Each structure stands twice: as C-alpha cells, then as structure tokens.
Amino acid sequence: MEGFARLFATMNATGTLAKLNRPAFEAVVKNRINLADASVLTGWIRKQPGIDAAKFMQAYSSFSVNAQVARAVKITRDYNIEGTPTFVVNGKYAIQPAAPERVLQVLNELIAKARAEKK
C-alpha cells in the first residue's frame, strides 16, 4: 500500500487531489492499472490533462512526501492495520469492525472510555 500512500500524499502536495482522485480510482479499480508502481504512474500521469507530469513526479520523490509516507508506514505498523476501515481512538484503540452496523456503537463506546480515562 506504500505506493498508494505516496500517490495520495503527492496529490495532496501538488493540489491535484480534487482533479486526480476520481481518475486514479477508476484507473486502479476499473482498469486495473497499478498506480502504486512509480514507472506505471509516470506514464499514466503524463496522459492526465492539465497536469505537469515533471512537477508531479518531482513532488512524488520529495522530502515532504517521503516524510508523509514514512509516517503512514509507521502508523500502519504501530496499530497493526491490516485493512479498511480501521479506526483509531485517542491513539490507543484500533478497531477493524467486521459488522458495519456496529461501527458507530463500538466507536462511541471507545470514545466514552477514552474520555473517562482522561479524567
């Protein structure tokens, strides 16, 4: 998932998230294009209208994006995130609810517990 985290961070850093989010999603999900691979992404980004591919790929390898990706990797490892959705409450509780109808109930219970612990 690191390649996708890098893509997301790059879209944020370049201000292209609103423009590229839907096309990137469709490329990955519908067209099965592996945008997590930098060389594949480079070719794909060159075809996107109104995007400066050189600037985008420069940001992709920038210190700022590298730092964001490193933080995402650390959080993923620290909370043992294996899938989505994963919710972290107060930096202490990480849950991956199996039953969607229980998500709000479990989150509310953990939020209440975290608040009680702070008192």
PDB file of N, CA and C in Angstrom:
ATOM      1  N   MET A   1       0.805  -1.205   0.000  1.00  0.00           N
ATOM      2  CA  MET A   1       0.000   0.000   0.000  1.00  0.00           C
ATOM      3  C   MET A   1       0.846   1.266   0.000  1.00  0.00           C
ATOM      4  N   GLU A   2       2.144   1.116   0.208  1.00  0.00           N
ATOM      5  CA  GLU A   2       3.005   2.296   0.292  1.00  0.00           C
ATOM      6  C   GLU A   2       2.932   3.146  -0.973  1.00  0.00           C
ATOM      7  N   GLY A   3       2.859   2.505  -2.127  1.00  0.00           N
ATOM      8  CA  GLY A   3       2.766   3.256  -3.381  1.00  0.00           C
ATOM      9  C   GLY A   3       1.501   4.080  -3.464  1.00  0.00           C
ATOM     10  N   PHE A   4       0.404   3.556  -2.944  1.00  0.00           N
ATOM     11  CA  PHE A   4      -0.852   4.304  -2.955  1.00  0.00           C
ATOM     12  C   PHE A   4      -0.820   5.445  -1.936  1.00  0.00           C
ATOM     13  N   ALA A   5      -0.158   5.213  -0.801  1.00  0.00           N
ATOM     14  CA  ALA A   5       0.008   6.290   0.185  1.00  0.00           C
ATOM     15  C   ALA A   5       0.843   7.413  -0.428  1.00  0.00           C
ATOM     16  N   ARG A   6       1.869   7.047  -1.173  1.00  0.00           N
ATOM     17  CA  ARG A   6       2.720   8.035  -1.839  1.00  0.00           C
ATOM     18  C   ARG A   6       1.924   8.797  -2.894  1.00  0.00           C
ATOM     19  N   LEU A   7       1.094   8.116  -3.649  1.00  0.00           N
ATOM     20  CA  LEU A   7       0.260   8.772  -4.658  1.00  0.00           C
ATOM     21  C   LEU A   7      -0.680   9.767  -3.993  1.00  0.00           C
ATOM     22  N   PHE A   8      -1.347   9.358  -2.934  1.00  0.00           N
ATOM     23  CA  PHE A   8      -2.269  10.239  -2.220  1.00  0.00           C
ATOM     24  C   PHE A   8      -1.538  11.460  -1.666  1.00  0.00           C
ATOM     25  N   ALA A   9      -0.388  11.236  -1.034  1.00  0.00           N
ATOM     26  CA  ALA A   9       0.389  12.342  -0.474  1.00  0.00           C
ATOM     27  C   ALA A   9       0.846  13.298  -1.570  1.00  0.00           C
ATOM     28  N   THR A  10       1.189  12.761  -2.725  1.00  0.00           N
ATOM     29  CA  THR A  10       1.631  13.599  -3.848  1.00  0.00           C
ATOM     30  C   THR A  10       0.473  14.425  -4.385  1.00  0.00           C
ATOM     31  N   MET A  11      -0.689  13.818  -4.505  1.00  0.00           N
ATOM     32  CA  MET A  11      -1.855  14.573  -4.966  1.00  0.00           C
ATOM     33  C   MET A  11      -2.167  15.704  -3.988  1.00  0.00           C
ATOM     34  N   ASN A  12      -2.046  15.443  -2.695  1.00  0.00           N
ATOM     35  CA  ASN A  12      -2.252  16.494  -1.696  1.00  0.00           C
ATOM     36  C   ASN A  12      -1.207  17.593  -1.834  1.00  0.00           C
ATOM     37  N   ALA A  13       0.042  17.191  -1.960  1.00  0.00           N
ATOM     38  CA  ALA A  13       1.148  18.152  -2.019  1.00  0.00           C
ATOM     39  C   ALA A  13       1.088  19.033  -3.262  1.00  0.00           C
ATOM     40  N   THR A  14       0.584  18.493  -4.347  1.00  0.00           N
ATOM     41  CA  THR A  14       0.544  19.244  -5.608  1.00  0.00           C
ATOM     42  C   THR A  14      -0.789  19.937  -5.844  1.00  0.00           C
ATOM     43  N   GLY A  15      -1.729  19.754  -4.936  1.00  0.00           N
ATOM     44  CA  GLY A  15      -3.033  20.378  -5.092  1.00  0.00           C
ATOM     45  C   GLY A  15      -3.868  19.765  -6.204  1.00  0.00           C
ATOM     46  N   THR A  16      -3.581  18.518  -6.544  1.00  0.00           N
ATOM     47  CA  THR A  16      -4.296  17.855  -7.642  1.00  0.00           C
ATOM     48  C   THR A  16      -5.270  16.783  -7.160  1.00  0.00           C
ATOM     49  N   LEU A  17      -5.494  16.712  -5.859  1.00  0.00           N
ATOM     50  CA  LEU A  17      -6.368  15.662  -5.326  1.00  0.00           C
ATOM     51  C   LEU A  17      -7.764  15.735  -5.926  1.00  0.00           C
ATOM     52  N   ALA A  18      -8.353  16.908  -5.944  1.00  0.00           N
ATOM     53  CA  ALA A  18      -9.713  17.041  -6.479  1.00  0.00           C
ATOM     54  C   ALA A  18      -9.779  16.636  -7.950  1.00  0.00           C
ATOM     55  N   LYS A  19      -8.742  16.943  -8.686  1.00  0.00           N
ATOM     56  CA  LYS A  19      -8.726  16.656 -10.123  1.00  0.00           C
ATOM     57  C   LYS A  19      -8.380  15.194 -10.426  1.00  0.00           C
ATOM     58  N   LEU A  20      -7.496  14.601  -9.637  1.00  0.00           N
ATOM     59  CA  LEU A  20      -6.989  13.259  -9.966  1.00  0.00           C
ATOM     60  C   LEU A  20      -7.592  12.123  -9.152  1.00  0.00           C
ATOM     61  N   ASN A  21      -8.298  12.427  -8.071  1.00  0.00           N
ATOM     62  CA  ASN A  21      -8.802  11.363  -7.207  1.00  0.00           C
ATOM     63  C   ASN A  21      -9.699  10.384  -7.963  1.00  0.00           C
ATOM     64  N   ARG A  22     -10.705  10.883  -8.641  1.00  0.00           N
ATOM     65  CA  ARG A  22     -11.633  10.020  -9.380  1.00  0.00           C
ATOM     66  C   ARG A  22     -10.906   9.278 -10.510  1.00  0.00           C
ATOM     67  N   PRO A  23     -10.122   9.969 -11.366  1.00  0.00           N
ATOM     68  CA  PRO A  23      -9.422   9.240 -12.427  1.00  0.00           C
ATOM     69  C   PRO A  23      -8.462   8.181 -11.887  1.00  0.00           C
ATOM     70  N   ALA A  24      -7.787   8.475 -10.780  1.00  0.00           N
ATOM     71  CA  ALA A  24      -6.869   7.491 -10.200  1.00  0.00           C
ATOM     72  C   ALA A  24      -7.639   6.284  -9.678  1.00  0.00           C
ATOM     73  N   PHE A  25      -8.748   6.532  -9.008  1.00  0.00           N
ATOM     74  CA  PHE A  25      -9.588   5.444  -8.505  1.00  0.00           C
ATOM     75  C   PHE A  25     -10.056   4.559  -9.664  1.00  0.00           C
ATOM     76  N   GLU A  26     -10.544   5.176 -10.709  1.00  0.00           N
ATOM     77  CA  GLU A  26     -11.024   4.409 -11.865  1.00  0.00           C
ATOM     78  C   GLU A  26      -9.889   3.658 -12.546  1.00  0.00           C
ATOM     79  N   ALA A  27      -8.722   4.285 -12.630  1.00  0.00           N
ATOM     80  CA  ALA A  27      -7.574   3.612 -13.244  1.00  0.00           C
ATOM     81  C   ALA A  27      -7.227   2.340 -12.472  1.00  0.00           C
ATOM     82  N   VAL A  28      -7.222   2.438 -11.149  1.00  0.00           N
ATOM     83  CA  VAL A  28      -6.837   1.293 -10.319  1.00  0.00           C
ATOM     84  C   VAL A  28      -7.945   0.247 -10.272  1.00  0.00           C
ATOM     85  N   VAL A  29      -9.165   0.677  -9.992  1.00  0.00           N
ATOM     86  CA  VAL A  29     -10.257  -0.270  -9.753  1.00  0.00           C
ATOM     87  C   VAL A  29     -10.848  -0.809 -11.051  1.00  0.00           C
ATOM     88  N   LYS A  30     -11.186   0.078 -11.959  1.00  0.00           N
ATOM     89  CA  LYS A  30     -11.849  -0.354 -13.195  1.00  0.00           C
ATOM     90  C   LYS A  30     -10.876  -0.887 -14.247  1.00  0.00           C
ATOM     91  N   ASN A  31      -9.756  -0.178 -14.393  1.00  0.00           N
ATOM     92  CA  ASN A  31      -8.827  -0.528 -15.474  1.00  0.00           C
ATOM     93  C   ASN A  31      -7.639  -1.358 -15.009  1.00  0.00           C
ATOM     94  N   ARG A  32      -7.567  -1.600 -13.711  1.00  0.00           N
ATOM     95  CA  ARG A  32      -6.518  -2.429 -13.113  1.00  0.00           C
ATOM     96  C   ARG A  32      -5.106  -1.945 -13.473  1.00  0.00           C
ATOM     97  N   ILE A  33      -4.934  -0.635 -13.447  1.00  0.00           N
ATOM     98  CA  ILE A  33      -3.628  -0.026 -13.675  1.00  0.00           C
ATOM     99  C   ILE A  33      -2.947   0.115 -12.314  1.00  0.00           C
ATOM    100  N   ASN A  34      -1.738  -0.365 -12.190  1.00  0.00           N
ATOM    101  CA  ASN A  34      -1.046  -0.352 -10.907  1.00  0.00           C
ATOM    102  C   ASN A  34      -0.346   0.989 -10.684  1.00  0.00           C
ATOM    103  N   LEU A  35      -1.089   1.966 -10.194  1.00  0.00           N
ATOM    104  CA  LEU A  35      -0.522   3.285  -9.952  1.00  0.00           C
ATOM    105  C   LEU A  35       0.386   3.313  -8.729  1.00  0.00           C
ATOM    106  N   ALA A  36       0.503   2.207  -8.026  1.00  0.00           N
ATOM    107  CA  ALA A  36       1.448   2.111  -6.918  1.00  0.00           C
ATOM    108  C   ALA A  36       2.875   1.932  -7.436  1.00  0.00           C
ATOM    109  N   ASP A  37       3.008   1.572  -8.695  1.00  0.00           N
ATOM    110  CA  ASP A  37       4.315   1.399  -9.344  1.00  0.00           C
ATOM    111  C   ASP A  37       4.702   2.745  -9.970  1.00  0.00           C
ATOM    112  N   ALA A  38       5.833   3.301  -9.551  1.00  0.00           N
ATOM    113  CA  ALA A  38       6.250   4.637  -9.996  1.00  0.00           C
ATOM    114  C   ALA A  38       6.369   4.747 -11.508  1.00  0.00           C
ATOM    115  N   SER A  39       6.888   3.719 -12.167  1.00  0.00           N
ATOM    116  CA  SER A  39       7.048   3.796 -13.624  1.00  0.00           C
ATOM    117  C   SER A  39       5.693   3.768 -14.329  1.00  0.00           C
ATOM    118  N   VAL A  40       4.768   3.003 -13.827  1.00  0.00           N
ATOM    119  CA  VAL A  40       3.414   2.962 -14.387  1.00  0.00           C
ATOM    120  C   VAL A  40       2.721   4.300 -14.127  1.00  0.00           C
ATOM    121  N   LEU A  41       2.879   4.813 -12.906  1.00  0.00           N
ATOM    122  CA  LEU A  41       2.283   6.096 -12.556  1.00  0.00           C
ATOM    123  C   LEU A  41       2.813   7.207 -13.462  1.00  0.00           C
ATOM    124  N   THR A  42       4.098   7.206 -13.728  1.00  0.00           N
ATOM    125  CA  THR A  42       4.692   8.238 -14.581  1.00  0.00           C
ATOM    126  C   THR A  42       4.017   8.255 -15.945  1.00  0.00           C
ATOM    127  N   GLY A  43       3.846   7.105 -16.546  1.00  0.00           N
ATOM    128  CA  GLY A  43       3.176   7.025 -17.845  1.00  0.00           C
ATOM    129  C   GLY A  43       1.731   7.484 -17.774  1.00  0.00           C
ATOM    130  N   TRP A  44       1.044   7.090 -16.700  1.00  0.00           N
ATOM    131  CA  TRP A  44      -0.365   7.460 -16.544  1.00  0.00           C
ATOM    132  C   TRP A  44      -0.515   8.956 -16.317  1.00  0.00           C
ATOM    133  N   ILE A  45       0.337   9.514 -15.464  1.00  0.00           N
ATOM    134  CA  ILE A  45       0.214  10.928 -15.119  1.00  0.00           C
ATOM    135  C   ILE A  45       0.492  11.819 -16.324  1.00  0.00           C
ATOM    136  N   ARG A  46       1.348  11.366 -17.216  1.00  0.00           N
ATOM    137  CA  ARG A  46       1.641  12.129 -18.443  1.00  0.00           C
ATOM    138  C   ARG A  46       0.408  12.273 -19.331  1.00  0.00           C
ATOM    139  N   LYS A  47      -0.520  11.361 -19.201  1.00  0.00           N
ATOM    140  CA  LYS A  47      -1.734  11.365 -20.028  1.00  0.00           C
ATOM    141  C   LYS A  47      -2.869  12.167 -19.401  1.00  0.00           C
ATOM    142  N   GLN A  48      -2.657  12.672 -18.192  1.00  0.00           N
ATOM    143  CA  GLN A  48      -3.728  13.399 -17.498  1.00  0.00           C
ATOM    144  C   GLN A  48      -3.710  14.861 -17.934  1.00  0.00           C
ATOM    145  N   PRO A  49      -4.820  15.344 -18.473  1.00  0.00           N
ATOM    146  CA  PRO A  49      -4.869  16.723 -18.963  1.00  0.00           C
ATOM    147  C   PRO A  49      -4.672  17.750 -17.840  1.00  0.00           C
ATOM    148  N   GLY A  50      -3.861  18.756 -18.145  1.00  0.00           N
ATOM    149  CA  GLY A  50      -3.646  19.851 -17.214  1.00  0.00           C
ATOM    150  C   GLY A  50      -2.709  19.544 -16.064  1.00  0.00           C
ATOM    151  N   ILE A  51      -2.043  18.419 -16.099  1.00  0.00           N
ATOM    152  CA  ILE A  51      -1.114  18.049 -15.023  1.00  0.00           C
ATOM    153  C   ILE A  51       0.312  18.124 -15.567  1.00  0.00           C
ATOM    154  N   ASP A  52       1.169  18.828 -14.851  1.00  0.00           N
ATOM    155  CA  ASP A  52       2.585  18.896 -15.203  1.00  0.00           C
ATOM    156  C   ASP A  52       3.244  17.640 -14.631  1.00  0.00           C
ATOM    157  N   ALA A  53       3.472  16.672 -15.483  1.00  0.00           N
ATOM    158  CA  ALA A  53       3.982  15.373 -15.038  1.00  0.00           C
ATOM    159  C   ALA A  53       5.338  15.493 -14.355  1.00  0.00           C
ATOM    160  N   ALA A  54       6.203  16.362 -14.863  1.00  0.00           N
ATOM    161  CA  ALA A  54       7.536  16.522 -14.275  1.00  0.00           C
ATOM    162  C   ALA A  54       7.429  17.052 -12.844  1.00  0.00           C
ATOM    163  N   LYS A  55       6.593  18.056 -12.629  1.00  0.00           N
ATOM    164  CA  LYS A  55       6.413  18.610 -11.281  1.00  0.00           C
ATOM    165  C   LYS A  55       5.751  17.598 -10.352  1.00  0.00           C
ATOM    166  N   PHE A  56       4.779  16.865 -10.891  1.00  0.00           N
ATOM    167  CA  PHE A  56       4.090  15.861 -10.088  1.00  0.00           C
ATOM    168  C   PHE A  56       5.076  14.789  -9.622  1.00  0.00           C
ATOM    169  N   MET A  57       5.887  14.285 -10.531  1.00  0.00           N
ATOM    170  CA  MET A  57       6.823  13.221 -10.173  1.00  0.00           C
ATOM    171  C   MET A  57       7.965  13.751  -9.304  1.00  0.00           C
ATOM    172  N   GLN A  58       8.290  15.029  -9.437  1.00  0.00           N
ATOM    173  CA  GLN A  58       9.296  15.632  -8.553  1.00  0.00           C
ATOM    174  C   GLN A  58       8.746  15.647  -7.125  1.00  0.00           C
ATOM    175  N   ALA A  59       7.489  16.032  -6.981  1.00  0.00           N
ATOM    176  CA  ALA A  59       6.849  16.022  -5.665  1.00  0.00           C
ATOM    177  C   ALA A  59       6.754  14.596  -5.124  1.00  0.00           C
ATOM    178  N   TYR A  60       6.511  13.651  -6.001  1.00  0.00           N
ATOM    179  CA  TYR A  60       6.383  12.233  -5.642  1.00  0.00           C
ATOM    180  C   TYR A  60       7.631  11.737  -4.903  1.00  0.00           C
ATOM    181  N   SER A  61       8.789  12.282  -5.275  1.00  0.00           N
ATOM    182  CA  SER A  61      10.057  11.870  -4.661  1.00  0.00           C
ATOM    183  C   SER A  61      10.583  12.883  -3.652  1.00  0.00           C
ATOM    184  N   SER A  62       9.782  13.871  -3.299  1.00  0.00           N
ATOM    185  CA  SER A  62      10.240  14.954  -2.433  1.00  0.00           C
ATOM    186  C   SER A  62      10.370  14.522  -0.971  1.00  0.00           C
ATOM    187  N   PHE A  63      11.114  15.327  -0.229  1.00  0.00           N
ATOM    188  CA  PHE A  63      11.289  15.086   1.201  1.00  0.00           C
ATOM    189  C   PHE A  63       9.942  15.085   1.923  1.00  0.00           C
ATOM    190  N   SER A  64       9.091  16.044   1.578  1.00  0.00           N
ATOM    191  CA  SER A  64       7.788  16.178   2.228  1.00  0.00           C
ATOM    192  C   SER A  64       6.934  14.929   2.030  1.00  0.00           C
ATOM    193  N   VAL A  65       6.852  14.461   0.801  1.00  0.00           N
ATOM    194  CA  VAL A  65       6.062  13.256   0.518  1.00  0.00           C
ATOM    195  C   VAL A  65       6.709  12.043   1.175  1.00  0.00           C
ATOM    196  N   ASN A  66       8.037  11.947   1.115  1.00  0.00           N
ATOM    197  CA  ASN A  66       8.722  10.829   1.787  1.00  0.00           C
ATOM    198  C   ASN A  66       8.405  10.804   3.275  1.00  0.00           C
ATOM    199  N   ALA A  67       8.368  11.982   3.915  1.00  0.00           N
ATOM    200  CA  ALA A  67       8.065  12.062   5.348  1.00  0.00           C
ATOM    201  C   ALA A  67       6.626  11.618   5.625  1.00  0.00           C
ATOM    202  N   GLN A  68       5.689  12.035   4.777  1.00  0.00           N
ATOM    203  CA  GLN A  68       4.295  11.630   4.966  1.00  0.00           C
ATOM    204  C   GLN A  68       4.133  10.125   4.807  1.00  0.00           C
ATOM    205  N   VAL A  69       4.808   9.566   3.826  1.00  0.00           N
ATOM    206  CA  VAL A  69       4.723   8.120   3.597  1.00  0.00           C
ATOM    207  C   VAL A  69       5.356   7.367   4.765  1.00  0.00           C
ATOM    208  N   ALA A  70       6.490   7.844   5.247  1.00  0.00           N
ATOM    209  CA  ALA A  70       7.140   7.202   6.391  1.00  0.00           C
ATOM    210  C   ALA A  70       6.229   7.216   7.612  1.00  0.00           C
ATOM    211  N   ARG A  71       5.526   8.334   7.812  1.00  0.00           N
ATOM    212  CA  ARG A  71       4.592   8.432   8.940  1.00  0.00           C
ATOM    213  C   ARG A  71       3.434   7.446   8.760  1.00  0.00           C
ATOM    214  N   ALA A  72       2.909   7.349   7.548  1.00  0.00           N
ATOM    215  CA  ALA A  72       1.808   6.410   7.276  1.00  0.00           C
ATOM    216  C   ALA A  72       2.259   4.967   7.507  1.00  0.00           C
ATOM    217  N   VAL A  73       3.467   4.652   7.085  1.00  0.00           N
ATOM    218  CA  VAL A  73       4.009   3.298   7.286  1.00  0.00           C
ATOM    219  C   VAL A  73       4.143   3.010   8.780  1.00  0.00           C
ATOM    220  N   LYS A  74       4.650   3.987   9.530  1.00  0.00           N
ATOM    221  CA  LYS A  74       4.815   3.808  10.980  1.00  0.00           C
ATOM    222  C   LYS A  74       3.459   3.600  11.659  1.00  0.00           C
ATOM    223  N   ILE A  75       2.494   4.421  11.317  1.00  0.00           N
ATOM    224  CA  ILE A  75       1.162   4.286  11.912  1.00  0.00           C
ATOM    225  C   ILE A  75       0.570   2.926  11.575  1.00  0.00           C
ATOM    226  N   THR A  76       0.709   2.513  10.335  1.00  0.00           N
ATOM    227  CA  THR A  76       0.186   1.208   9.904  1.00  0.00           C
ATOM    228  C   THR A  76       0.818   0.085  10.718  1.00  0.00           C
ATOM    229  N   ARG A  77       2.119   0.179  10.917  1.00  0.00           N
ATOM    230  CA  ARG A  77       2.839  -0.845  11.690  1.00  0.00           C
ATOM    231  C   ARG A  77       2.466  -0.763  13.175  1.00  0.00           C
ATOM    232  N   ASP A  78       2.467   0.453  13.734  1.00  0.00           N
ATOM    233  CA  ASP A  78       2.193   0.626  15.164  1.00  0.00           C
ATOM    234  C   ASP A  78       0.800   0.139  15.565  1.00  0.00           C
ATOM    235  N   TYR A  79      -0.172   0.388  14.710  1.00  0.00           N
ATOM    236  CA  TYR A  79      -1.547  -0.014  15.023  1.00  0.00           C
ATOM    237  C   TYR A  79      -1.927  -1.358  14.395  1.00  0.00           C
ATOM    238  N   ASN A  80      -0.964  -1.998  13.752  1.00  0.00           N
ATOM    239  CA  ASN A  80      -1.199  -3.300  13.126  1.00  0.00           C
ATOM    240  C   ASN A  80      -2.398  -3.254  12.178  1.00  0.00           C
ATOM    241  N   ILE A  81      -2.429  -2.223  11.344  1.00  0.00           N
ATOM    242  CA  ILE A  81      -3.537  -2.050  10.413  1.00  0.00           C
ATOM    243  C   ILE A  81      -3.374  -3.045   9.270  1.00  0.00           C
ATOM    244  N   GLU A  82      -4.402  -3.839   9.085  1.00  0.00           N
ATOM    245  CA  GLU A  82      -4.376  -4.870   8.054  1.00  0.00           C
ATOM    246  C   GLU A  82      -5.404  -4.628   6.965  1.00  0.00           C
ATOM    247  N   GLY A  83      -6.288  -3.674   7.161  1.00  0.00           N
ATOM    248  CA  GLY A  83      -7.315  -3.417   6.162  1.00  0.00           C
ATOM    249  C   GLY A  83      -8.126  -2.193   6.522  1.00  0.00           C
ATOM    250  N   THR A  84      -9.130  -1.959   5.714  1.00  0.00           N
ATOM    251  CA  THR A  84     -10.003  -0.816   5.960  1.00  0.00           C
ATOM    252  C   THR A  84     -11.431  -1.311   6.110  1.00  0.00           C
ATOM    253  N   PRO A  85     -12.231  -0.613   6.859  1.00  0.00           N
ATOM    254  CA  PRO A  85     -11.835   0.570   7.615  1.00  0.00           C
ATOM    255  C   PRO A  85     -11.151   0.177   8.915  1.00  0.00           C
ATOM    256  N   THR A  86     -10.219   0.987   9.339  1.00  0.00           N
ATOM    257  CA  THR A  86      -9.609   0.863  10.657  1.00  0.00           C
ATOM    258  C   THR A  86      -9.783   2.207  11.343  1.00  0.00           C
ATOM    259  N   PHE A  87     -10.235   2.185  12.566  1.00  0.00           N
ATOM    260  CA  PHE A  87     -10.443   3.402  13.338  1.00  0.00           C
ATOM    261  C   PHE A  87      -9.519   3.371  14.542  1.00  0.00           C
ATOM    262  N   VAL A  88      -8.866   4.495  14.803  1.00  0.00           N
ATOM    263  CA  VAL A  88      -8.009   4.623  15.972  1.00  0.00           C
ATOM    264  C   VAL A  88      -8.609   5.706  16.857  1.00  0.00           C
ATOM    265  N   VAL A  89      -8.843   5.361  18.112  1.00  0.00           N
ATOM    266  CA  VAL A  89      -9.448   6.284  19.067  1.00  0.00           C
ATOM    267  C   VAL A  89      -8.404   6.669  20.103  1.00  0.00           C
ATOM    268  N   ASN A  90      -8.147   7.968  20.197  1.00  0.00           N
ATOM    269  CA  ASN A  90      -7.247   8.524  21.212  1.00  0.00           C
ATOM    270  C   ASN A  90      -5.838   7.943  21.123  1.00  0.00           C
ATOM    271  N   GLY A  91      -5.437   7.500  19.962  1.00  0.00           N
ATOM    272  CA  GLY A  91      -4.105   6.947  19.791  1.00  0.00           C
ATOM    273  C   GLY A  91      -3.866   5.653  20.548  1.00  0.00           C
ATOM    274  N   LYS A  92      -4.933   5.066  21.054  1.00  0.00           N
ATOM    275  CA  LYS A  92      -4.794   3.902  21.929  1.00  0.00           C
ATOM    276  C   LYS A  92      -5.542   2.669  21.440  1.00  0.00           C
ATOM    277  N   TYR A  93      -6.720   2.869  20.905  1.00  0.00           N
ATOM    278  CA  TYR A  93      -7.561   1.751  20.497  1.00  0.00           C
ATOM    279  C   TYR A  93      -7.691   1.736  18.979  1.00  0.00           C
ATOM    280  N   ALA A  94      -7.338   0.626  18.380  1.00  0.00           N
ATOM    281  CA  ALA A  94      -7.506   0.458  16.937  1.00  0.00           C
ATOM    282  C   ALA A  94      -8.497  -0.673  16.718  1.00  0.00           C
ATOM    283  N   ILE A  95      -9.521  -0.374  15.934  1.00  0.00           N
ATOM    284  CA  ILE A  95     -10.538  -1.397  15.671  1.00  0.00           C
ATOM    285  C   ILE A  95     -10.758  -1.526  14.176  1.00  0.00           C
ATOM    286  N   GLN A  96     -11.050  -2.731  13.795  1.00  0.00           N
ATOM    287  CA  GLN A  96     -11.424  -3.041  12.413  1.00  0.00           C
ATOM    288  C   GLN A  96     -12.762  -3.765  12.487  1.00  0.00           C
ATOM    289  N   PRO A  97     -13.846  -3.000  12.529  1.00  0.00           N
ATOM    290  CA  PRO A  97     -15.152  -3.622  12.735  1.00  0.00           C
ATOM    291  C   PRO A  97     -15.541  -4.559  11.600  1.00  0.00           C
ATOM    292  N   ALA A  98     -16.028  -5.728  11.989  1.00  0.00           N
ATOM    293  CA  ALA A  98     -16.455  -6.713  10.999  1.00  0.00           C
ATOM    294  C   ALA A  98     -17.903  -6.480  10.586  1.00  0.00           C
ATOM    295  N   ALA A  99     -18.693  -5.963  11.492  1.00  0.00           N
ATOM    296  CA  ALA A  99     -20.110  -5.747  11.211  1.00  0.00           C
ATOM    297  C   ALA A  99     -20.374  -4.243  11.081  1.00  0.00           C
ATOM    298  N   PRO A 100     -20.630  -3.762   9.864  1.00  0.00           N
ATOM    299  CA  PRO A 100     -20.821  -2.322   9.650  1.00  0.00           C
ATOM    300  C   PRO A 100     -21.873  -1.691  10.556  1.00  0.00           C
ATOM    301  N   GLU A 101     -22.909  -2.443  10.878  1.00  0.00           N
ATOM    302  CA  GLU A 101     -23.975  -1.885  11.707  1.00  0.00           C
ATOM    303  C   GLU A 101     -23.508  -1.616  13.143  1.00  0.00           C
ATOM    304  N   ARG A 102     -22.354  -2.163  13.532  1.00  0.00           N
ATOM    305  CA  ARG A 102     -21.841  -1.957  14.891  1.00  0.00           C
ATOM    306  C   ARG A 102     -20.762  -0.885  14.967  1.00  0.00           C
ATOM    307  N   VAL A 103     -20.364  -0.333  13.838  1.00  0.00           N
ATOM    308  CA  VAL A 103     -19.253   0.623  13.813  1.00  0.00           C
ATOM    309  C   VAL A 103     -19.500   1.788  14.766  1.00  0.00           C
ATOM    310  N   LEU A 104     -20.623   2.477  14.617  1.00  0.00           N
ATOM    311  CA  LEU A 104     -20.896   3.634  15.458  1.00  0.00           C
ATOM    312  C   LEU A 104     -21.006   3.262  16.930  1.00  0.00           C
ATOM    313  N   GLN A 105     -21.612   2.137  17.207  1.00  0.00           N
ATOM    314  CA  GLN A 105     -21.757   1.699  18.593  1.00  0.00           C
ATOM    315  C   GLN A 105     -20.378   1.482  19.222  1.00  0.00           C
ATOM    316  N   VAL A 106     -19.523   0.751  18.552  1.00  0.00           N
ATOM    317  CA  VAL A 106     -18.191   0.454  19.085  1.00  0.00           C
ATOM    318  C   VAL A 106     -17.364   1.730  19.203  1.00  0.00           C
ATOM    319  N   LEU A 107     -17.417   2.583  18.178  1.00  0.00           N
ATOM    320  CA  LEU A 107     -16.673   3.840  18.238  1.00  0.00           C
ATOM    321  C   LEU A 107     -17.140   4.709  19.397  1.00  0.00           C
ATOM    322  N   ASN A 108     -18.449   4.829  19.577  1.00  0.00           N
ATOM    323  CA  ASN A 108     -18.972   5.633  20.687  1.00  0.00           C
ATOM    324  C   ASN A 108     -18.544   5.081  22.041  1.00  0.00           C
ATOM    325  N   GLU A 109     -18.534   3.762  22.175  1.00  0.00           N
ATOM    326  CA  GLU A 109     -18.104   3.143  23.430  1.00  0.00           C
ATOM    327  C   GLU A 109     -16.626   3.433  23.700  1.00  0.00           C
ATOM    328  N   LEU A 110     -15.806   3.342  22.672  1.00  0.00           N
ATOM    329  CA  LEU A 110     -14.375   3.607  22.853  1.00  0.00           C
ATOM    330  C   LEU A 110     -14.092   5.079  23.123  1.00  0.00           C
ATOM    331  N   ILE A 111     -14.838   5.953  22.485  1.00  0.00           N
ATOM    332  CA  ILE A 111     -14.677   7.388  22.743  1.00  0.00           C
ATOM    333  C   ILE A 111     -15.045   7.693  24.200  1.00  0.00           C
ATOM    334  N   ALA A 112     -16.137   7.122  24.665  1.00  0.00           N
ATOM    335  CA  ALA A 112     -16.546   7.318  26.061  1.00  0.00           C
ATOM    336  C   ALA A 112     -15.481   6.774  27.010  1.00  0.00           C
ATOM    337  N   LYS A 113     -14.928   5.617  26.691  1.00  0.00           N
ATOM    338  CA  LYS A 113     -13.888   5.015  27.528  1.00  0.00           C
ATOM    339  C   LYS A 113     -12.643   5.892  27.550  1.00  0.00           C
ATOM    340  N   ALA A 114     -12.241   6.379  26.399  1.00  0.00           N
ATOM    341  CA  ALA A 114     -11.065   7.241  26.309  1.00  0.00           C
ATOM    342  C   ALA A 114     -11.270   8.531  27.090  1.00  0.00           C
ATOM    343  N   ARG A 115     -12.456   9.110  27.008  1.00  0.00           N
ATOM    344  CA  ARG A 115     -12.764  10.328  27.767  1.00  0.00           C
ATOM    345  C   ARG A 115     -12.704  10.062  29.269  1.00  0.00           C
ATOM    346  N   ALA A 116     -13.249   8.921  29.697  1.00  0.00           N
ATOM    347  CA  ALA A 116     -13.242   8.578  31.114  1.00  0.00           C
ATOM    348  C   ALA A 116     -11.810   8.381  31.621  1.00  0.00           C
ATOM    349  N   GLU A 117     -10.952   7.824  30.789  1.00  0.00           N
ATOM    350  CA  GLU A 117      -9.560   7.605  31.175  1.00  0.00           C
ATOM    351  C   GLU A 117      -8.800   8.921  31.335  1.00  0.00           C
ATOM    352  N   LYS A 118      -9.206   9.943  30.620  1.00  0.00           N
ATOM    353  CA  LYS A 118      -8.519  11.237  30.686  1.00  0.00           C
ATOM    354  C   LYS A 118      -8.850  12.004  31.970  1.00  0.00           C
ATOM    355  N   LYS A 119      -9.959  11.647  32.594  1.00  0.00           N
ATOM    356  CA  LYS A 119     -10.390  12.362  33.816  1.00  0.00           C
ATOM    357  C   LYS A 119      -9.634  11.919  35.023  1.00  0.00           C
TER     358      LYS A 119
END
